N, C-alpha and C. Protein backbone atom coordinates (compact mmCIF):
# COMPACT_ATOMS: atom_id res chain seq x y z
N MET A 1 71.43 105.58 110.50
CA MET A 1 72.19 104.95 111.64
C MET A 1 73.30 104.09 111.05
N ALA A 2 74.48 104.30 111.55
CA ALA A 2 75.64 103.56 111.08
C ALA A 2 75.60 102.10 111.59
N ASP A 3 76.18 101.25 110.80
CA ASP A 3 76.23 99.82 111.22
C ASP A 3 77.14 99.69 112.47
N LYS A 4 76.83 98.69 113.23
CA LYS A 4 77.58 98.40 114.47
C LYS A 4 78.51 97.25 114.21
N VAL A 5 79.66 97.28 114.87
CA VAL A 5 80.65 96.17 114.83
C VAL A 5 80.77 95.63 116.23
N LYS A 6 80.74 94.30 116.37
CA LYS A 6 80.90 93.69 117.67
C LYS A 6 82.36 93.27 117.80
N LEU A 7 82.98 93.70 118.90
CA LEU A 7 84.33 93.37 119.19
C LEU A 7 84.41 92.56 120.44
N ARG A 8 85.19 91.46 120.46
CA ARG A 8 85.30 90.65 121.66
C ARG A 8 86.78 90.69 122.14
N SER A 9 86.89 91.14 123.39
CA SER A 9 88.27 91.27 124.02
C SER A 9 88.83 89.93 124.39
N SER A 10 90.04 89.94 124.80
CA SER A 10 90.82 88.69 125.23
C SER A 10 90.05 88.03 126.38
N ASP A 11 89.43 88.82 127.29
CA ASP A 11 88.71 88.28 128.45
C ASP A 11 87.20 88.09 128.12
N GLN A 12 86.88 87.95 126.82
CA GLN A 12 85.56 87.62 126.34
C GLN A 12 84.49 88.69 126.55
N GLN A 13 84.85 89.89 126.85
CA GLN A 13 83.90 90.95 126.99
C GLN A 13 83.52 91.50 125.58
N MET A 14 82.22 91.74 125.40
CA MET A 14 81.77 92.24 124.12
C MET A 14 81.60 93.77 124.09
N PHE A 15 82.01 94.35 122.98
CA PHE A 15 81.81 95.76 122.80
C PHE A 15 81.10 95.98 121.48
N GLU A 16 80.06 96.80 121.45
CA GLU A 16 79.36 97.09 120.24
C GLU A 16 79.66 98.52 119.88
N VAL A 17 80.31 98.71 118.71
CA VAL A 17 80.89 100.02 118.31
C VAL A 17 80.45 100.40 116.92
N GLU A 18 80.21 101.69 116.76
CA GLU A 18 79.87 102.16 115.39
C GLU A 18 80.99 101.81 114.44
N GLU A 19 80.57 101.50 113.21
CA GLU A 19 81.56 101.07 112.19
C GLU A 19 82.68 102.05 111.95
N ASP A 20 82.37 103.35 111.88
CA ASP A 20 83.44 104.34 111.57
C ASP A 20 84.39 104.45 112.75
N VAL A 21 83.94 104.14 113.95
CA VAL A 21 84.85 104.13 115.11
C VAL A 21 85.76 102.91 115.08
N ALA A 22 85.10 101.74 114.87
CA ALA A 22 85.82 100.49 114.84
C ALA A 22 86.86 100.43 113.71
N PHE A 23 86.51 101.11 112.58
CA PHE A 23 87.38 101.00 111.42
C PHE A 23 88.57 101.96 111.47
N GLN A 24 88.67 102.71 112.58
CA GLN A 24 89.93 103.44 112.84
C GLN A 24 91.06 102.41 112.94
N SER A 25 90.69 101.18 113.30
CA SER A 25 91.68 100.06 113.39
C SER A 25 91.67 99.36 112.03
N LEU A 26 92.78 99.42 111.36
CA LEU A 26 92.88 98.71 110.08
C LEU A 26 92.76 97.19 110.27
N THR A 27 93.20 96.63 111.42
CA THR A 27 93.06 95.23 111.72
C THR A 27 91.59 94.89 111.73
N VAL A 28 90.79 95.65 112.51
CA VAL A 28 89.31 95.33 112.57
C VAL A 28 88.72 95.49 111.23
N LYS A 29 89.06 96.51 110.50
CA LYS A 29 88.48 96.81 109.14
C LYS A 29 88.76 95.58 108.26
N ASN A 30 90.01 95.12 108.24
CA ASN A 30 90.41 94.01 107.35
C ASN A 30 89.66 92.71 107.78
N MET A 31 89.58 92.49 109.09
CA MET A 31 88.91 91.30 109.63
C MET A 31 87.45 91.32 109.27
N SER A 32 86.80 92.45 109.35
CA SER A 32 85.36 92.55 109.05
C SER A 32 85.13 92.37 107.54
N GLU A 33 86.06 92.76 106.72
CA GLU A 33 85.92 92.55 105.31
C GLU A 33 86.01 91.08 104.96
N ASP A 34 86.78 90.36 105.74
CA ASP A 34 86.99 88.90 105.50
C ASP A 34 85.83 88.11 106.09
N THR A 35 85.31 88.50 107.24
CA THR A 35 84.32 87.67 107.93
C THR A 35 82.92 88.28 107.93
N GLY A 36 82.76 89.51 107.58
CA GLY A 36 81.43 90.17 107.65
C GLY A 36 81.18 90.76 109.04
N LEU A 37 80.11 91.43 109.22
CA LEU A 37 79.82 92.14 110.47
C LEU A 37 78.89 91.34 111.40
N ASP A 38 78.43 90.14 110.95
CA ASP A 38 77.45 89.42 111.73
C ASP A 38 78.05 88.85 113.03
N ALA A 39 79.23 88.25 112.86
CA ALA A 39 79.88 87.58 114.04
C ALA A 39 80.81 88.61 114.73
N PRO A 40 80.98 88.45 116.02
CA PRO A 40 81.91 89.30 116.77
C PRO A 40 83.33 89.09 116.24
N ILE A 41 84.12 90.20 116.21
CA ILE A 41 85.50 90.10 115.80
C ILE A 41 86.34 89.88 117.04
N PRO A 42 87.02 88.72 117.09
CA PRO A 42 87.83 88.40 118.27
C PRO A 42 89.14 89.19 118.26
N LEU A 43 89.46 89.77 119.42
CA LEU A 43 90.73 90.53 119.58
C LEU A 43 91.51 89.89 120.74
N PRO A 44 92.13 88.75 120.49
CA PRO A 44 92.72 87.97 121.58
C PRO A 44 93.94 88.63 122.25
N ASN A 45 94.46 89.69 121.62
CA ASN A 45 95.64 90.39 122.23
C ASN A 45 95.29 91.61 123.02
N VAL A 46 93.98 91.88 123.19
CA VAL A 46 93.57 93.15 123.78
C VAL A 46 92.54 92.86 124.93
N SER A 47 92.88 93.25 126.14
CA SER A 47 91.98 93.08 127.29
C SER A 47 90.80 94.07 127.21
N SER A 48 89.78 93.79 127.96
CA SER A 48 88.57 94.72 127.91
C SER A 48 88.95 96.05 128.46
N LYS A 49 89.76 96.16 129.49
CA LYS A 49 90.19 97.43 130.07
C LYS A 49 90.89 98.32 128.97
N ILE A 50 91.81 97.73 128.20
CA ILE A 50 92.53 98.43 127.20
C ILE A 50 91.67 98.71 125.98
N LEU A 51 90.85 97.75 125.60
CA LEU A 51 89.94 97.91 124.44
C LEU A 51 88.96 99.09 124.71
N ALA A 52 88.50 99.24 125.95
CA ALA A 52 87.65 100.36 126.28
C ALA A 52 88.32 101.67 126.07
N LYS A 53 89.65 101.73 126.46
CA LYS A 53 90.44 102.95 126.29
C LYS A 53 90.61 103.22 124.80
N VAL A 54 90.92 102.20 124.04
CA VAL A 54 91.15 102.34 122.61
C VAL A 54 89.86 102.86 121.91
N ILE A 55 88.73 102.31 122.29
CA ILE A 55 87.46 102.73 121.73
C ILE A 55 87.17 104.21 122.09
N GLU A 56 87.46 104.57 123.33
CA GLU A 56 87.34 105.98 123.77
C GLU A 56 88.16 106.92 122.84
N TYR A 57 89.39 106.51 122.59
CA TYR A 57 90.30 107.29 121.74
C TYR A 57 89.74 107.38 120.35
N CYS A 58 89.37 106.24 119.79
CA CYS A 58 88.84 106.26 118.37
C CYS A 58 87.54 107.04 118.25
N LYS A 59 86.66 106.89 119.23
CA LYS A 59 85.38 107.63 119.21
C LYS A 59 85.65 109.13 119.28
N TYR A 60 86.53 109.57 120.15
CA TYR A 60 86.83 111.01 120.25
C TYR A 60 87.33 111.51 118.90
N HIS A 61 88.26 110.79 118.31
CA HIS A 61 88.87 111.24 117.04
C HIS A 61 87.90 111.23 115.90
N VAL A 62 87.01 110.26 115.87
CA VAL A 62 85.95 110.28 114.81
C VAL A 62 85.04 111.47 115.02
N ASP A 63 84.57 111.69 116.26
CA ASP A 63 83.71 112.86 116.56
C ASP A 63 84.40 114.16 116.24
N ALA A 64 85.71 114.22 116.56
CA ALA A 64 86.46 115.47 116.31
C ALA A 64 86.58 115.84 114.86
N GLU A 65 86.51 114.77 113.98
CA GLU A 65 86.67 115.04 112.58
C GLU A 65 85.32 115.34 111.90
N GLN A 66 84.21 115.19 112.63
CA GLN A 66 82.89 115.52 112.08
C GLN A 66 82.91 116.96 111.65
N LYS A 67 82.36 117.23 110.49
CA LYS A 67 82.34 118.61 109.96
C LYS A 67 81.02 119.31 110.36
N ALA A 68 81.13 120.52 110.77
CA ALA A 68 79.99 121.40 111.00
C ALA A 68 80.32 122.70 110.28
N ASP A 69 79.49 123.09 109.36
CA ASP A 69 79.80 124.30 108.55
C ASP A 69 81.16 124.24 107.93
N ASP A 70 81.54 123.11 107.31
CA ASP A 70 82.80 122.92 106.64
C ASP A 70 84.05 123.04 107.58
N LYS A 71 83.83 122.95 108.86
CA LYS A 71 84.95 123.00 109.81
C LYS A 71 84.83 121.76 110.70
N PRO A 72 86.02 121.19 111.12
CA PRO A 72 85.95 120.09 112.06
C PRO A 72 85.32 120.54 113.40
N SER A 73 84.67 119.66 114.13
CA SER A 73 84.02 120.06 115.33
C SER A 73 85.01 120.44 116.45
N LYS A 74 86.25 119.90 116.36
CA LYS A 74 87.26 120.26 117.33
C LYS A 74 88.45 120.88 116.59
N THR A 75 89.10 121.83 117.30
CA THR A 75 90.30 122.44 116.76
C THR A 75 91.53 121.52 117.01
N GLU A 76 92.57 121.76 116.25
CA GLU A 76 93.82 120.99 116.47
C GLU A 76 94.28 121.10 117.93
N GLU A 77 94.14 122.27 118.47
CA GLU A 77 94.61 122.53 119.87
C GLU A 77 93.76 121.71 120.84
N GLU A 78 92.44 121.66 120.64
CA GLU A 78 91.53 120.87 121.53
C GLU A 78 91.89 119.41 121.48
N ILE A 79 92.17 118.90 120.25
CA ILE A 79 92.51 117.47 120.04
C ILE A 79 93.88 117.19 120.78
N LYS A 80 94.81 118.09 120.57
CA LYS A 80 96.15 117.89 121.17
C LYS A 80 96.01 117.85 122.76
N THR A 81 95.22 118.74 123.25
CA THR A 81 95.07 118.79 124.73
C THR A 81 94.40 117.52 125.22
N TRP A 82 93.34 117.10 124.48
CA TRP A 82 92.66 115.85 124.85
C TRP A 82 93.60 114.62 124.80
N ASP A 83 94.43 114.57 123.74
CA ASP A 83 95.39 113.47 123.59
C ASP A 83 96.37 113.42 124.73
N LEU A 84 96.87 114.64 125.14
CA LEU A 84 97.82 114.66 126.27
C LEU A 84 97.24 114.14 127.56
N ASP A 85 95.93 114.49 127.75
CA ASP A 85 95.23 114.01 128.95
C ASP A 85 94.97 112.48 128.84
N PHE A 86 94.66 112.01 127.62
CA PHE A 86 94.41 110.60 127.41
C PHE A 86 95.59 109.74 127.81
N VAL A 87 96.78 110.16 127.53
CA VAL A 87 97.98 109.33 127.83
C VAL A 87 98.51 109.55 129.25
N LYS A 88 97.80 110.27 130.10
CA LYS A 88 98.19 110.43 131.50
C LYS A 88 97.66 109.24 132.24
N VAL A 89 98.38 108.09 132.04
CA VAL A 89 97.97 106.85 132.68
C VAL A 89 99.21 106.21 133.28
N ASP A 90 99.03 105.15 134.03
CA ASP A 90 100.14 104.45 134.64
C ASP A 90 100.96 103.79 133.50
N GLN A 91 102.23 103.45 133.80
CA GLN A 91 103.15 102.89 132.81
C GLN A 91 102.59 101.65 132.23
N SER A 92 102.04 100.79 133.05
CA SER A 92 101.52 99.47 132.55
C SER A 92 100.43 99.69 131.52
N THR A 93 99.54 100.62 131.80
CA THR A 93 98.43 100.88 130.86
C THR A 93 99.00 101.49 129.58
N LEU A 94 99.99 102.35 129.75
CA LEU A 94 100.57 103.02 128.54
C LEU A 94 101.24 101.98 127.61
N PHE A 95 101.94 101.01 128.23
CA PHE A 95 102.59 99.96 127.38
C PHE A 95 101.56 98.99 126.78
N GLU A 96 100.50 98.73 127.50
CA GLU A 96 99.40 97.93 126.97
C GLU A 96 98.69 98.64 125.77
N LEU A 97 98.57 99.97 125.94
CA LEU A 97 98.02 100.76 124.81
C LEU A 97 98.89 100.74 123.58
N ILE A 98 100.20 100.79 123.78
CA ILE A 98 101.14 100.69 122.67
C ILE A 98 100.97 99.34 121.94
N LEU A 99 100.91 98.27 122.72
CA LEU A 99 100.75 96.94 122.15
C LEU A 99 99.43 96.82 121.39
N ALA A 100 98.36 97.34 122.02
CA ALA A 100 97.06 97.26 121.35
C ALA A 100 97.03 98.11 120.10
N ALA A 101 97.60 99.31 120.12
CA ALA A 101 97.61 100.19 118.95
C ALA A 101 98.36 99.55 117.84
N ASN A 102 99.45 98.90 118.19
CA ASN A 102 100.24 98.15 117.15
C ASN A 102 99.43 97.00 116.60
N TYR A 103 98.88 96.15 117.46
CA TYR A 103 98.15 94.97 117.01
C TYR A 103 96.91 95.41 116.18
N LEU A 104 96.21 96.46 116.66
CA LEU A 104 94.99 96.93 115.93
C LEU A 104 95.30 97.78 114.79
N ASN A 105 96.55 98.18 114.61
CA ASN A 105 96.97 98.97 113.46
C ASN A 105 96.21 100.33 113.46
N ILE A 106 96.42 101.08 114.58
CA ILE A 106 95.85 102.45 114.68
C ILE A 106 97.06 103.38 114.80
N LYS A 107 97.52 103.87 113.63
CA LYS A 107 98.79 104.60 113.57
C LYS A 107 98.79 105.83 114.50
N SER A 108 97.70 106.62 114.51
CA SER A 108 97.70 107.84 115.29
C SER A 108 97.86 107.50 116.77
N LEU A 109 97.21 106.48 117.27
CA LEU A 109 97.33 106.06 118.67
C LEU A 109 98.71 105.51 118.94
N LEU A 110 99.24 104.72 118.08
CA LEU A 110 100.58 104.21 118.21
C LEU A 110 101.59 105.38 118.28
N ASP A 111 101.48 106.33 117.39
CA ASP A 111 102.40 107.49 117.38
C ASP A 111 102.27 108.25 118.71
N LEU A 112 101.09 108.48 119.17
CA LEU A 112 100.84 109.24 120.40
C LEU A 112 101.44 108.53 121.60
N THR A 113 101.22 107.22 121.72
CA THR A 113 101.74 106.46 122.88
C THR A 113 103.25 106.33 122.85
N CYS A 114 103.80 106.10 121.64
CA CYS A 114 105.26 106.03 121.57
C CYS A 114 105.92 107.34 121.81
N LEU A 115 105.31 108.47 121.33
CA LEU A 115 105.83 109.79 121.62
C LEU A 115 105.86 110.04 123.15
N THR A 116 104.86 109.59 123.81
CA THR A 116 104.76 109.76 125.29
C THR A 116 105.94 109.06 125.98
N VAL A 117 106.23 107.81 125.52
CA VAL A 117 107.36 107.08 126.11
C VAL A 117 108.69 107.83 125.79
N ALA A 118 108.77 108.25 124.51
CA ALA A 118 110.00 108.97 124.07
C ALA A 118 110.25 110.19 124.97
N ASN A 119 109.17 110.94 125.30
CA ASN A 119 109.28 112.07 126.12
C ASN A 119 109.67 111.72 127.55
N MET A 120 109.28 110.54 128.02
CA MET A 120 109.65 110.03 129.31
C MET A 120 111.19 109.77 129.37
N ILE A 121 111.75 109.42 128.24
CA ILE A 121 113.17 109.06 128.16
C ILE A 121 114.09 110.28 127.92
N LYS A 122 113.53 111.24 127.11
CA LYS A 122 114.30 112.34 126.65
C LYS A 122 115.05 113.08 127.76
N GLY A 123 116.36 113.24 127.53
CA GLY A 123 117.20 114.04 128.45
C GLY A 123 117.61 113.31 129.73
N LYS A 124 117.36 112.04 129.81
CA LYS A 124 117.70 111.28 131.01
C LYS A 124 119.01 110.47 130.80
N THR A 125 119.69 110.21 131.88
CA THR A 125 120.85 109.37 131.79
C THR A 125 120.36 107.90 131.76
N PRO A 126 121.30 106.98 131.36
CA PRO A 126 120.93 105.56 131.39
C PRO A 126 120.42 105.10 132.71
N GLU A 127 121.01 105.64 133.78
CA GLU A 127 120.61 105.22 135.14
C GLU A 127 119.20 105.70 135.45
N GLU A 128 118.89 106.97 135.03
CA GLU A 128 117.54 107.50 135.25
C GLU A 128 116.49 106.71 134.43
N ILE A 129 116.85 106.33 133.24
CA ILE A 129 115.91 105.60 132.41
C ILE A 129 115.68 104.20 133.06
N ARG A 130 116.76 103.56 133.53
CA ARG A 130 116.52 102.29 134.22
C ARG A 130 115.62 102.45 135.41
N LYS A 131 115.77 103.47 136.18
CA LYS A 131 114.92 103.70 137.37
C LYS A 131 113.51 103.94 136.92
N THR A 132 113.28 104.79 135.90
CA THR A 132 111.92 105.08 135.43
C THR A 132 111.20 103.84 135.00
N PHE A 133 111.86 102.92 134.27
CA PHE A 133 111.19 101.76 133.69
C PHE A 133 111.51 100.48 134.45
N ASN A 134 112.10 100.61 135.60
CA ASN A 134 112.49 99.43 136.42
C ASN A 134 113.26 98.37 135.66
N ILE A 135 114.32 98.83 135.02
CA ILE A 135 115.19 98.00 134.24
C ILE A 135 116.42 97.64 135.04
N VAL A 136 116.73 96.38 135.17
CA VAL A 136 117.87 95.94 135.89
C VAL A 136 119.12 96.09 135.01
N ASN A 137 120.20 96.64 135.53
CA ASN A 137 121.41 96.76 134.80
C ASN A 137 122.17 95.39 134.89
N ASP A 138 122.22 94.69 133.76
CA ASP A 138 122.88 93.39 133.79
C ASP A 138 124.26 93.42 133.31
N PHE A 139 124.86 94.61 133.12
CA PHE A 139 126.25 94.78 132.70
C PHE A 139 127.12 94.74 133.96
N THR A 140 128.29 94.14 133.83
CA THR A 140 129.25 94.32 134.88
C THR A 140 129.86 95.66 134.72
N PRO A 141 130.50 96.22 135.75
CA PRO A 141 131.14 97.54 135.59
C PRO A 141 132.10 97.60 134.40
N GLU A 142 132.78 96.49 134.17
CA GLU A 142 133.77 96.47 133.11
C GLU A 142 133.05 96.52 131.74
N GLU A 143 131.95 95.75 131.61
CA GLU A 143 131.22 95.78 130.32
C GLU A 143 130.57 97.13 130.10
N GLU A 144 130.07 97.76 131.13
CA GLU A 144 129.48 99.05 131.01
C GLU A 144 130.54 100.08 130.57
N GLU A 145 131.72 100.02 131.17
CA GLU A 145 132.78 100.93 130.73
C GLU A 145 133.16 100.75 129.28
N GLU A 146 133.19 99.47 128.83
CA GLU A 146 133.49 99.17 127.43
C GLU A 146 132.50 99.77 126.48
N VAL A 147 131.19 99.65 126.86
CA VAL A 147 130.12 100.20 126.02
C VAL A 147 130.24 101.73 126.01
N ARG A 148 130.59 102.32 127.10
CA ARG A 148 130.70 103.78 127.17
C ARG A 148 131.88 104.25 126.27
N LYS A 149 132.99 103.49 126.22
CA LYS A 149 134.12 103.82 125.40
C LYS A 149 133.74 103.70 123.91
N GLU A 150 133.05 102.65 123.56
CA GLU A 150 132.65 102.39 122.16
C GLU A 150 131.64 103.43 121.66
N ASN A 151 130.86 103.95 122.59
CA ASN A 151 129.80 104.88 122.18
C ASN A 151 129.94 106.22 122.90
N GLN A 152 131.16 106.71 122.93
CA GLN A 152 131.50 107.96 123.63
C GLN A 152 130.62 109.08 123.21
N TRP A 153 130.29 109.16 121.91
CA TRP A 153 129.44 110.21 121.40
C TRP A 153 128.12 110.33 122.08
N ALA A 154 127.58 109.24 122.56
CA ALA A 154 126.26 109.24 123.16
C ALA A 154 126.26 109.85 124.57
N PHE A 155 127.49 109.93 125.13
CA PHE A 155 127.53 110.33 126.57
C PHE A 155 128.10 111.76 126.67
N GLU A 156 128.23 112.49 125.54
CA GLU A 156 128.76 113.81 125.59
C GLU A 156 127.73 114.85 125.83
């Protein structure tokens, strides 16, 4: 039986997770090496809702890498499909997952979530991007025209 790691979210909820799942996060791994596994590891930048999603992601990927007859238990295609479904969340959750992946230092999750946002932006005009992400245009028409002139290559 693998050792368990206790994680405490920003809203004080406790999660008990297998060591190999928790150590997908380099932040958790480093903190546990410094403090040991007896006390809960505080994660003040991650809410329980997001931490539960992060744990779900890490658990799936640890399980997917388990070998059976010298082959991973999941194919690359199965993992890719699961990942695409995993990031089908509202924008707020997606951005919180990015922040959590960055704070927890889980490169594969950070790459996945950032790629999702990049795909949301790809091929859109600045106006469409502003609408998608609820960004207010704070340029005056004159300033915007100046930026367009200076960066003509980007609008071709």
